[in-house]
Structure formats: C-alpha cells, structure tokens
Amino acid sequence: MQKADPPRGKWRNVVFFLTALLVVAADQLSKTLWIRSYPKDQVIFEAGIFRIIHIQNTGAAFGLFQGQSFALTIVALIGIVAILLVVFLFSRRFPFLDTGLGKPALALVLGGTVGNLVDRLCVGYVTDFIDIGIWPAFNIA
C-alpha cells in the first residue's frame, strides 16, 4: 500500500519557509564575513559607478530614517506578520498569490526582512556593501 502524496499546497509552504531560511542564512553569512574582513567605510572594489563598500546603515532602505532603529524594528515585525498573513490566509482568497512565482517572491522578501531585523536587533544597524552609485548602498537582503 502506498502513502498518498501530501497536498501540493503543503509542499509550497515547505518551499516557502526553506527559501526564506536560505535567504536569511545567505544574508547573515555574507554580512558576518564582510564585517570580519573589512573595516567600516572601506571601498573594496570599484568599477565605474559600481562599488563594493562596507557601510553600517542605522536607517532603512536608501538611507532613510537614520537612527530610528526602534521604529524600523516595529515596521519590520509588522511587515513579517503581513507577509505571513498574505501567504497563509489571503492566498486562498486570491489564487494568483499561490502561483509558482507568488510565494517564492514573498519568501525572498520575508528572508530579507528577517535578515535585516536580525542585524538591527543584534548590532543596532544593517550592514550594506553593494553600491551602484545612483542610490545608497544595499545588501543581499
């Protein structure tokens, strides 16, 4: 007698969480290596407008809201809850969210949010290192 395959939706949920976890792991590993290898504000590589640099960002994306770690932590927590609600409650109501791209895309966003939240809670800033010159530096997350 063969076991019935688990429903497809459960596998998508497993893939969702594994993807988010992989993003958090890659984000934290890259930042840890970066912090240990390069001093703050050091330019490591430069080619035209593209630079690899070590920046400690106490704000949000694009350098906004510098020094507002508490507020940004609350926003990140709200964002995490919102993503989980969308994935697990609203995807039933809106099937386009449960497509082959919907959940993986949200998993990437969730992983990035969690990765940056870990930084903010542990060290008080987010480590950024990719700079393409037309906006402030960012990281894998």
C-alpha atoms as a PDB file:
ATOM      1  CA  MET A   1       0.000   0.000   0.000  1.00  0.00           C
ATOM      2  CA  GLN A   2       1.372   3.414  -0.979  1.00  0.00           C
ATOM      3  CA  LYS A   3       1.034   6.571   1.032  1.00  0.00           C
ATOM      4  CA  ALA A   4      -0.941   9.382  -0.527  1.00  0.00           C
ATOM      5  CA  ASP A   5       1.184  12.323  -1.599  1.00  0.00           C
ATOM      6  CA  PRO A   6       0.803  15.370   0.623  1.00  0.00           C
ATOM      7  CA  PRO A   7      -1.241  18.148  -0.924  1.00  0.00           C
ATOM      8  CA  ARG A   8       0.632  20.429  -3.275  1.00  0.00           C
ATOM      9  CA  GLY A   9      -0.045  23.435  -1.063  1.00  0.00           C
ATOM     10  CA  LYS A  10       1.856  21.912   1.849  1.00  0.00           C
ATOM     11  CA  TRP A  11       4.938  21.438  -0.331  1.00  0.00           C
ATOM     12  CA  ARG A  12       4.673  25.050  -1.442  1.00  0.00           C
ATOM     13  CA  ASN A  13       4.615  26.078   2.215  1.00  0.00           C
ATOM     14  CA  VAL A  14       7.720  23.983   2.901  1.00  0.00           C
ATOM     15  CA  VAL A  15       9.462  25.550  -0.111  1.00  0.00           C
ATOM     16  CA  PHE A  16       8.326  28.989   1.089  1.00  0.00           C
ATOM     17  CA  PHE A  17       9.932  28.560   4.506  1.00  0.00           C
ATOM     18  CA  LEU A  18      13.069  26.884   3.141  1.00  0.00           C
ATOM     19  CA  THR A  19      13.543  29.724   0.648  1.00  0.00           C
ATOM     20  CA  ALA A  20      13.120  32.363   3.362  1.00  0.00           C
ATOM     21  CA  LEU A  21      15.514  30.466   5.629  1.00  0.00           C
ATOM     22  CA  LEU A  22      18.094  30.177   2.849  1.00  0.00           C
ATOM     23  CA  VAL A  23      17.906  33.933   2.221  1.00  0.00           C
ATOM     24  CA  VAL A  24      18.364  34.671   5.943  1.00  0.00           C
ATOM     25  CA  ALA A  25      21.340  32.288   6.096  1.00  0.00           C
ATOM     26  CA  ALA A  26      22.987  33.756   2.973  1.00  0.00           C
ATOM     27  CA  ASP A  27      22.347  37.282   4.227  1.00  0.00           C
ATOM     28  CA  GLN A  28      23.790  36.649   7.687  1.00  0.00           C
ATOM     29  CA  LEU A  29      26.781  34.704   6.374  1.00  0.00           C
ATOM     30  CA  SER A  30      27.665  37.384   3.824  1.00  0.00           C
ATOM     31  CA  LYS A  31      27.390  40.152   6.413  1.00  0.00           C
ATOM     32  CA  THR A  32      29.397  38.251   9.028  1.00  0.00           C
ATOM     33  CA  LEU A  33      32.196  37.624   6.545  1.00  0.00           C
ATOM     34  CA  TRP A  34      32.044  41.249   5.456  1.00  0.00           C
ATOM     35  CA  ILE A  35      32.217  42.676   8.981  1.00  0.00           C
ATOM     36  CA  ARG A  36      35.157  40.432   9.894  1.00  0.00           C
ATOM     37  CA  SER A  37      37.056  41.133   6.681  1.00  0.00           C
ATOM     38  CA  TYR A  38      36.690  44.857   6.008  1.00  0.00           C
ATOM     39  CA  PRO A  39      36.676  47.983   8.172  1.00  0.00           C
ATOM     40  CA  LYS A  40      33.715  50.328   8.091  1.00  0.00           C
ATOM     41  CA  ASP A  41      33.570  52.717   5.100  1.00  0.00           C
ATOM     42  CA  GLN A  42      36.377  50.939   3.240  1.00  0.00           C
ATOM     43  CA  VAL A  43      35.907  50.653  -0.525  1.00  0.00           C
ATOM     44  CA  ILE A  44      36.922  47.133  -1.502  1.00  0.00           C
ATOM     45  CA  PHE A  45      36.264  47.226  -5.233  1.00  0.00           C
ATOM     46  CA  GLU A  46      35.321  49.946  -7.686  1.00  0.00           C
ATOM     47  CA  ALA A  47      34.403  49.805 -11.381  1.00  0.00           C
ATOM     48  CA  GLY A  48      32.673  52.852 -12.797  1.00  0.00           C
ATOM     49  CA  ILE A  49      29.579  53.523 -10.714  1.00  0.00           C
ATOM     50  CA  PHE A  50      29.696  50.050  -9.114  1.00  0.00           C
ATOM     51  CA  ARG A  51      31.422  49.799  -5.733  1.00  0.00           C
ATOM     52  CA  ILE A  52      31.747  47.212  -3.007  1.00  0.00           C
ATOM     53  CA  ILE A  53      31.959  49.102   0.289  1.00  0.00           C
ATOM     54  CA  HIS A  54      31.343  48.389   3.979  1.00  0.00           C
ATOM     55  CA  ILE A  55      28.588  50.647   5.340  1.00  0.00           C
ATOM     56  CA  GLN A  56      26.723  50.464   8.644  1.00  0.00           C
ATOM     57  CA  ASN A  57      23.173  51.670   7.999  1.00  0.00           C
ATOM     58  CA  THR A  58      21.113  52.668  11.049  1.00  0.00           C
ATOM     59  CA  GLY A  59      18.233  53.627   8.782  1.00  0.00           C
ATOM     60  CA  ALA A  60      16.023  51.927   6.242  1.00  0.00           C
ATOM     61  CA  ALA A  61      16.286  51.382   2.516  1.00  0.00           C
ATOM     62  CA  PHE A  62      18.072  54.134   0.614  1.00  0.00           C
ATOM     63  CA  GLY A  63      19.450  55.568   3.869  1.00  0.00           C
ATOM     64  CA  LEU A  64      16.078  56.899   5.014  1.00  0.00           C
ATOM     65  CA  PHE A  65      15.177  57.289   8.714  1.00  0.00           C
ATOM     66  CA  GLN A  66      18.742  57.135  10.068  1.00  0.00           C
ATOM     67  CA  GLY A  67      18.905  56.378  13.790  1.00  0.00           C
ATOM     68  CA  GLN A  68      15.305  55.178  14.012  1.00  0.00           C
ATOM     69  CA  SER A  69      16.116  51.561  14.921  1.00  0.00           C
ATOM     70  CA  PHE A  70      13.182  51.052  17.290  1.00  0.00           C
ATOM     71  CA  ALA A  71      10.608  52.320  14.800  1.00  0.00           C
ATOM     72  CA  LEU A  72      12.217  50.325  11.983  1.00  0.00           C
ATOM     73  CA  THR A  73      12.164  47.187  14.148  1.00  0.00           C
ATOM     74  CA  ILE A  74       8.417  47.638  14.700  1.00  0.00           C
ATOM     75  CA  VAL A  75       7.871  48.204  10.974  1.00  0.00           C
ATOM     76  CA  ALA A  76       9.869  45.046  10.175  1.00  0.00           C
ATOM     77  CA  LEU A  77       7.819  42.986  12.636  1.00  0.00           C
ATOM     78  CA  ILE A  78       4.584  44.314  11.136  1.00  0.00           C
ATOM     79  CA  GLY A  79       5.939  43.512   7.667  1.00  0.00           C
ATOM     80  CA  ILE A  80       6.767  39.944   8.681  1.00  0.00           C
ATOM     81  CA  VAL A  81       3.265  39.419  10.076  1.00  0.00           C
ATOM     82  CA  ALA A  82       1.742  40.958   6.932  1.00  0.00           C
ATOM     83  CA  ILE A  83       3.745  38.669   4.630  1.00  0.00           C
ATOM     84  CA  LEU A  84       2.729  35.603   6.633  1.00  0.00           C
ATOM     85  CA  LEU A  85      -0.936  36.684   6.546  1.00  0.00           C
ATOM     86  CA  VAL A  86      -0.784  37.162   2.788  1.00  0.00           C
ATOM     87  CA  VAL A  87       0.872  33.794   2.245  1.00  0.00           C
ATOM     88  CA  PHE A  88      -1.293  31.717   4.541  1.00  0.00           C
ATOM     89  CA  LEU A  89      -4.666  33.466   4.632  1.00  0.00           C
ATOM     90  CA  PHE A  90      -5.097  35.619   1.580  1.00  0.00           C
ATOM     91  CA  SER A  91      -3.593  33.206  -0.946  1.00  0.00           C
ATOM     92  CA  ARG A  92      -6.717  31.055  -0.588  1.00  0.00           C
ATOM     93  CA  ARG A  93      -8.883  34.020  -1.403  1.00  0.00           C
ATOM     94  CA  PHE A  94      -6.643  35.370  -4.159  1.00  0.00           C
ATOM     95  CA  PRO A  95      -5.304  32.390  -6.138  1.00  0.00           C
ATOM     96  CA  PHE A  96      -2.795  34.480  -8.106  1.00  0.00           C
ATOM     97  CA  LEU A  97      -0.770  34.774  -4.879  1.00  0.00           C
ATOM     98  CA  ASP A  98      -0.397  30.994  -4.801  1.00  0.00           C
ATOM     99  CA  THR A  99       1.206  30.762  -8.227  1.00  0.00           C
ATOM    100  CA  GLY A 100       4.665  29.437  -8.991  1.00  0.00           C
ATOM    101  CA  LEU A 101       6.126  32.936  -8.541  1.00  0.00           C
ATOM    102  CA  GLY A 102       3.919  34.416  -5.824  1.00  0.00           C
ATOM    103  CA  LYS A 103       5.101  32.501  -2.785  1.00  0.00           C
ATOM    104  CA  PRO A 104       8.784  32.356  -3.782  1.00  0.00           C
ATOM    105  CA  ALA A 105       8.799  36.130  -4.293  1.00  0.00           C
ATOM    106  CA  LEU A 106       7.233  36.684  -0.887  1.00  0.00           C
ATOM    107  CA  ALA A 107       9.714  34.205   0.632  1.00  0.00           C
ATOM    108  CA  LEU A 108      12.585  36.323  -0.707  1.00  0.00           C
ATOM    109  CA  VAL A 109      11.064  39.462   0.813  1.00  0.00           C
ATOM    110  CA  LEU A 110      10.442  37.674   4.120  1.00  0.00           C
ATOM    111  CA  GLY A 111      14.006  36.340   4.241  1.00  0.00           C
ATOM    112  CA  GLY A 112      15.434  39.785   3.552  1.00  0.00           C
ATOM    113  CA  THR A 113      13.244  41.404   6.178  1.00  0.00           C
ATOM    114  CA  VAL A 114      14.184  38.812   8.798  1.00  0.00           C
ATOM    115  CA  GLY A 115      17.882  39.070   7.891  1.00  0.00           C
ATOM    116  CA  ASN A 116      17.907  42.835   8.325  1.00  0.00           C
ATOM    117  CA  LEU A 117      15.824  42.557  11.505  1.00  0.00           C
ATOM    118  CA  VAL A 118      18.415  40.173  12.985  1.00  0.00           C
ATOM    119  CA  ASP A 119      21.112  42.783  12.253  1.00  0.00           C
ATOM    120  CA  ARG A 120      19.088  45.587  13.758  1.00  0.00           C
ATOM    121  CA  LEU A 121      18.350  43.612  16.945  1.00  0.00           C
ATOM    122  CA  CYS A 122      21.871  42.193  17.386  1.00  0.00           C
ATOM    123  CA  VAL A 123      24.124  45.114  16.444  1.00  0.00           C
ATOM    124  CA  GLY A 124      21.821  48.126  16.017  1.00  0.00           C
ATOM    125  CA  TYR A 125      22.472  48.627  12.318  1.00  0.00           C
ATOM    126  CA  VAL A 126      22.274  46.823   8.990  1.00  0.00           C
ATOM    127  CA  THR A 127      25.478  46.079   7.104  1.00  0.00           C
ATOM    128  CA  ASP A 128      25.277  47.216   3.477  1.00  0.00           C
ATOM    129  CA  PHE A 129      28.009  46.629   0.915  1.00  0.00           C
ATOM    130  CA  ILE A 130      26.698  46.886  -2.656  1.00  0.00           C
ATOM    131  CA  ASP A 131      26.745  50.404  -4.100  1.00  0.00           C
ATOM    132  CA  ILE A 132      25.856  51.209  -7.696  1.00  0.00           C
ATOM    133  CA  GLY A 133      26.178  54.940  -7.324  1.00  0.00           C
ATOM    134  CA  ILE A 134      22.664  56.091  -8.207  1.00  0.00           C
ATOM    135  CA  TRP A 135      21.208  55.317  -4.761  1.00  0.00           C
ATOM    136  CA  PRO A 136      22.564  54.378  -1.333  1.00  0.00           C
ATOM    137  CA  ALA A 137      24.287  51.055  -0.684  1.00  0.00           C
ATOM    138  CA  PHE A 138      22.310  47.876  -0.024  1.00  0.00           C
ATOM    139  CA  ASN A 139      22.907  44.207   0.803  1.00  0.00           C
ATOM    140  CA  ILE A 140      21.721  40.772  -0.337  1.00  0.00           C
ATOM    141  CA  ALA A 141      18.525  41.115   1.684  1.00  0.00           C
END
